[in-house]
Amino acid sequence: MSEAARAFITHVFETTGVDTLYSGAVSENAASLRIQEKLGFVRAGEAMLYIPARRKELPSTNTVLTRSHFEERR
């Protein structure tokens, strides 16, 4: 999964003027957060997020990745 995400991020940064990507996951989803961190995303805060499938709010972790940070890690 991380290879596909890395290819997508590379494509976005190479073909658009976007300098920052925002992501996140439900805080209990450690696997998703590990993949994001592996790609270079850094934690940028916590929030409560309504999850329709569960019909409740859950803690979530927001992440951010800048173009410069991604390129430094390549």
N, C-alpha and C. Protein backbone atom coordinates (compact mmCIF):
# COMPACT_ATOMS: atom_id res chain seq x y z
N MET A 1 0.81 -1.20 0.00
CA MET A 1 0.00 0.00 0.00
C MET A 1 0.85 1.26 0.00
N SER A 2 1.94 1.25 0.75
CA SER A 2 2.75 2.47 0.82
C SER A 2 3.40 2.80 -0.53
N GLU A 3 3.69 1.78 -1.35
CA GLU A 3 4.28 2.05 -2.67
C GLU A 3 3.30 2.81 -3.56
N ALA A 4 2.05 2.41 -3.53
CA ALA A 4 1.02 3.09 -4.33
C ALA A 4 0.82 4.52 -3.82
N ALA A 5 0.78 4.68 -2.51
CA ALA A 5 0.62 6.01 -1.93
C ALA A 5 1.81 6.89 -2.27
N ARG A 6 3.02 6.34 -2.20
CA ARG A 6 4.22 7.11 -2.53
C ARG A 6 4.18 7.56 -4.01
N ALA A 7 3.74 6.67 -4.90
CA ALA A 7 3.64 7.02 -6.32
C ALA A 7 2.60 8.12 -6.53
N PHE A 8 1.49 8.04 -5.82
CA PHE A 8 0.46 9.07 -5.93
C PHE A 8 0.98 10.42 -5.42
N ILE A 9 1.63 10.41 -4.26
CA ILE A 9 2.17 11.65 -3.70
C ILE A 9 3.20 12.26 -4.63
N THR A 10 4.07 11.44 -5.18
CA THR A 10 5.07 11.91 -6.14
C THR A 10 4.37 12.57 -7.33
N HIS A 11 3.36 11.91 -7.85
CA HIS A 11 2.61 12.46 -8.99
C HIS A 11 1.99 13.81 -8.65
N VAL A 12 1.36 13.92 -7.49
CA VAL A 12 0.73 15.18 -7.08
C VAL A 12 1.77 16.28 -6.99
N PHE A 13 2.87 16.03 -6.32
CA PHE A 13 3.88 17.07 -6.15
C PHE A 13 4.57 17.43 -7.47
N GLU A 14 4.71 16.47 -8.39
CA GLU A 14 5.39 16.75 -9.66
C GLU A 14 4.48 17.41 -10.70
N THR A 15 3.18 17.27 -10.56
CA THR A 15 2.28 17.74 -11.62
C THR A 15 1.33 18.86 -11.19
N THR A 16 1.41 19.27 -9.94
CA THR A 16 0.53 20.34 -9.47
C THR A 16 1.35 21.37 -8.70
N GLY A 17 0.71 22.45 -8.35
CA GLY A 17 1.35 23.47 -7.54
C GLY A 17 1.13 23.26 -6.05
N VAL A 18 0.57 22.11 -5.69
CA VAL A 18 0.29 21.81 -4.29
C VAL A 18 1.61 21.67 -3.52
N ASP A 19 1.71 22.35 -2.39
CA ASP A 19 2.92 22.27 -1.56
C ASP A 19 2.71 21.51 -0.27
N THR A 20 1.45 21.25 0.09
CA THR A 20 1.16 20.58 1.35
C THR A 20 -0.02 19.63 1.16
N LEU A 21 0.13 18.42 1.69
CA LEU A 21 -0.95 17.45 1.70
C LEU A 21 -1.38 17.21 3.14
N TYR A 22 -2.68 17.07 3.33
CA TYR A 22 -3.24 16.83 4.66
C TYR A 22 -3.91 15.47 4.65
N SER A 23 -3.76 14.74 5.74
CA SER A 23 -4.37 13.43 5.85
C SER A 23 -4.71 13.19 7.32
N GLY A 24 -4.92 11.95 7.64
CA GLY A 24 -5.21 11.59 9.02
C GLY A 24 -5.89 10.25 9.07
N ALA A 25 -6.20 9.82 10.27
CA ALA A 25 -6.87 8.55 10.48
C ALA A 25 -7.48 8.54 11.87
N VAL A 26 -8.43 7.66 12.05
CA VAL A 26 -8.95 7.43 13.39
C VAL A 26 -7.76 7.00 14.25
N SER A 27 -7.64 7.58 15.40
CA SER A 27 -6.46 7.37 16.24
C SER A 27 -6.19 5.90 16.55
N GLU A 28 -7.23 5.08 16.62
CA GLU A 28 -7.02 3.65 16.92
C GLU A 28 -6.49 2.87 15.72
N ASN A 29 -6.44 3.50 14.55
CA ASN A 29 -5.95 2.83 13.34
C ASN A 29 -4.44 3.01 13.22
N ALA A 30 -3.72 2.29 14.06
CA ALA A 30 -2.26 2.43 14.12
C ALA A 30 -1.60 2.08 12.79
N ALA A 31 -2.13 1.11 12.05
CA ALA A 31 -1.52 0.71 10.78
C ALA A 31 -1.55 1.86 9.77
N SER A 32 -2.68 2.55 9.68
CA SER A 32 -2.78 3.68 8.76
C SER A 32 -1.83 4.80 9.16
N LEU A 33 -1.75 5.09 10.43
CA LEU A 33 -0.85 6.14 10.89
C LEU A 33 0.61 5.76 10.65
N ARG A 34 0.97 4.49 10.79
CA ARG A 34 2.35 4.05 10.51
C ARG A 34 2.69 4.25 9.04
N ILE A 35 1.77 3.92 8.15
CA ILE A 35 2.02 4.12 6.71
C ILE A 35 2.21 5.59 6.43
N GLN A 36 1.35 6.44 7.00
CA GLN A 36 1.50 7.87 6.78
C GLN A 36 2.85 8.37 7.27
N GLU A 37 3.27 7.92 8.44
CA GLU A 37 4.57 8.34 8.97
C GLU A 37 5.70 7.81 8.10
N LYS A 38 5.57 6.60 7.60
CA LYS A 38 6.58 6.03 6.71
C LYS A 38 6.73 6.89 5.44
N LEU A 39 5.63 7.47 5.00
CA LEU A 39 5.65 8.32 3.81
C LEU A 39 6.17 9.73 4.11
N GLY A 40 6.31 10.08 5.38
CA GLY A 40 6.83 11.38 5.75
C GLY A 40 5.83 12.31 6.38
N PHE A 41 4.58 11.89 6.49
CA PHE A 41 3.59 12.73 7.16
C PHE A 41 3.97 12.86 8.63
N VAL A 42 3.71 14.02 9.20
CA VAL A 42 3.95 14.25 10.63
C VAL A 42 2.62 14.57 11.30
N ARG A 43 2.52 14.18 12.54
CA ARG A 43 1.29 14.43 13.29
C ARG A 43 1.11 15.93 13.49
N ALA A 44 -0.13 16.37 13.27
CA ALA A 44 -0.41 17.80 13.33
C ALA A 44 -1.58 18.13 14.24
N GLY A 45 -1.96 17.20 15.08
CA GLY A 45 -3.03 17.49 16.02
C GLY A 45 -4.04 16.38 16.11
N GLU A 46 -4.92 16.56 17.05
CA GLU A 46 -5.98 15.59 17.32
C GLU A 46 -7.33 16.29 17.15
N ALA A 47 -8.34 15.50 16.83
CA ALA A 47 -9.69 16.03 16.70
C ALA A 47 -10.68 14.90 16.91
N MET A 48 -11.93 15.24 17.04
CA MET A 48 -12.99 14.25 17.07
C MET A 48 -13.60 14.23 15.67
N LEU A 49 -13.84 13.04 15.15
CA LEU A 49 -14.34 12.87 13.79
C LEU A 49 -15.56 11.97 13.82
N TYR A 50 -16.65 12.43 13.21
CA TYR A 50 -17.85 11.61 13.15
C TYR A 50 -17.66 10.54 12.08
N ILE A 51 -17.86 9.28 12.46
CA ILE A 51 -17.72 8.14 11.56
C ILE A 51 -19.12 7.59 11.29
N PRO A 52 -19.69 7.88 10.11
CA PRO A 52 -21.06 7.44 9.84
C PRO A 52 -21.26 5.92 9.98
N ALA A 53 -20.30 5.13 9.55
CA ALA A 53 -20.45 3.67 9.63
C ALA A 53 -20.58 3.19 11.07
N ARG A 54 -19.97 3.93 12.00
CA ARG A 54 -20.05 3.55 13.42
C ARG A 54 -21.09 4.37 14.17
N ARG A 55 -21.61 5.39 13.50
CA ARG A 55 -22.63 6.28 14.08
C ARG A 55 -22.17 6.93 15.38
N LYS A 56 -20.89 7.31 15.40
CA LYS A 56 -20.38 8.00 16.59
C LYS A 56 -19.11 8.76 16.24
N GLU A 57 -18.73 9.65 17.14
CA GLU A 57 -17.48 10.39 17.01
C GLU A 57 -16.36 9.57 17.63
N LEU A 58 -15.21 9.62 16.98
CA LEU A 58 -14.02 8.93 17.49
C LEU A 58 -12.84 9.89 17.43
N PRO A 59 -11.87 9.71 18.33
CA PRO A 59 -10.66 10.53 18.25
C PRO A 59 -9.92 10.24 16.94
N SER A 60 -9.42 11.29 16.32
CA SER A 60 -8.65 11.12 15.09
C SER A 60 -7.34 11.89 15.20
N THR A 61 -6.37 11.46 14.42
CA THR A 61 -5.06 12.11 14.37
C THR A 61 -4.90 12.73 13.00
N ASN A 62 -4.66 14.04 12.97
CA ASN A 62 -4.42 14.75 11.72
C ASN A 62 -2.93 14.71 11.40
N THR A 63 -2.61 14.57 10.10
CA THR A 63 -1.21 14.56 9.66
C THR A 63 -1.03 15.51 8.49
N VAL A 64 0.21 15.90 8.27
CA VAL A 64 0.54 16.84 7.20
C VAL A 64 1.88 16.45 6.57
N LEU A 65 1.97 16.66 5.26
CA LEU A 65 3.21 16.39 4.53
C LEU A 65 3.49 17.54 3.59
N THR A 66 4.66 18.17 3.73
CA THR A 66 5.02 19.24 2.81
C THR A 66 5.87 18.68 1.68
N ARG A 67 5.83 19.37 0.58
CA ARG A 67 6.63 18.98 -0.58
C ARG A 67 8.11 18.88 -0.21
N SER A 68 8.62 19.87 0.50
CA SER A 68 10.05 19.88 0.85
C SER A 68 10.41 18.71 1.76
N HIS A 69 9.57 18.39 2.72
CA HIS A 69 9.85 17.27 3.61
C HIS A 69 9.83 15.94 2.82
N PHE A 70 8.87 15.80 1.92
CA PHE A 70 8.79 14.59 1.10
C PHE A 70 10.03 14.43 0.24
N GLU A 71 10.46 15.53 -0.39
CA GLU A 71 11.64 15.47 -1.26
C GLU A 71 12.92 15.20 -0.47
N GLU A 72 13.03 15.69 0.74
CA GLU A 72 14.20 15.42 1.59
C GLU A 72 14.32 13.93 1.90
N ARG A 73 13.19 13.25 2.00
CA ARG A 73 13.17 11.84 2.39
C ARG A 73 13.35 10.90 1.20
N ARG A 74 13.38 11.41 -0.02
CA ARG A 74 13.48 10.55 -1.21
C ARG A 74 14.89 10.09 -1.43
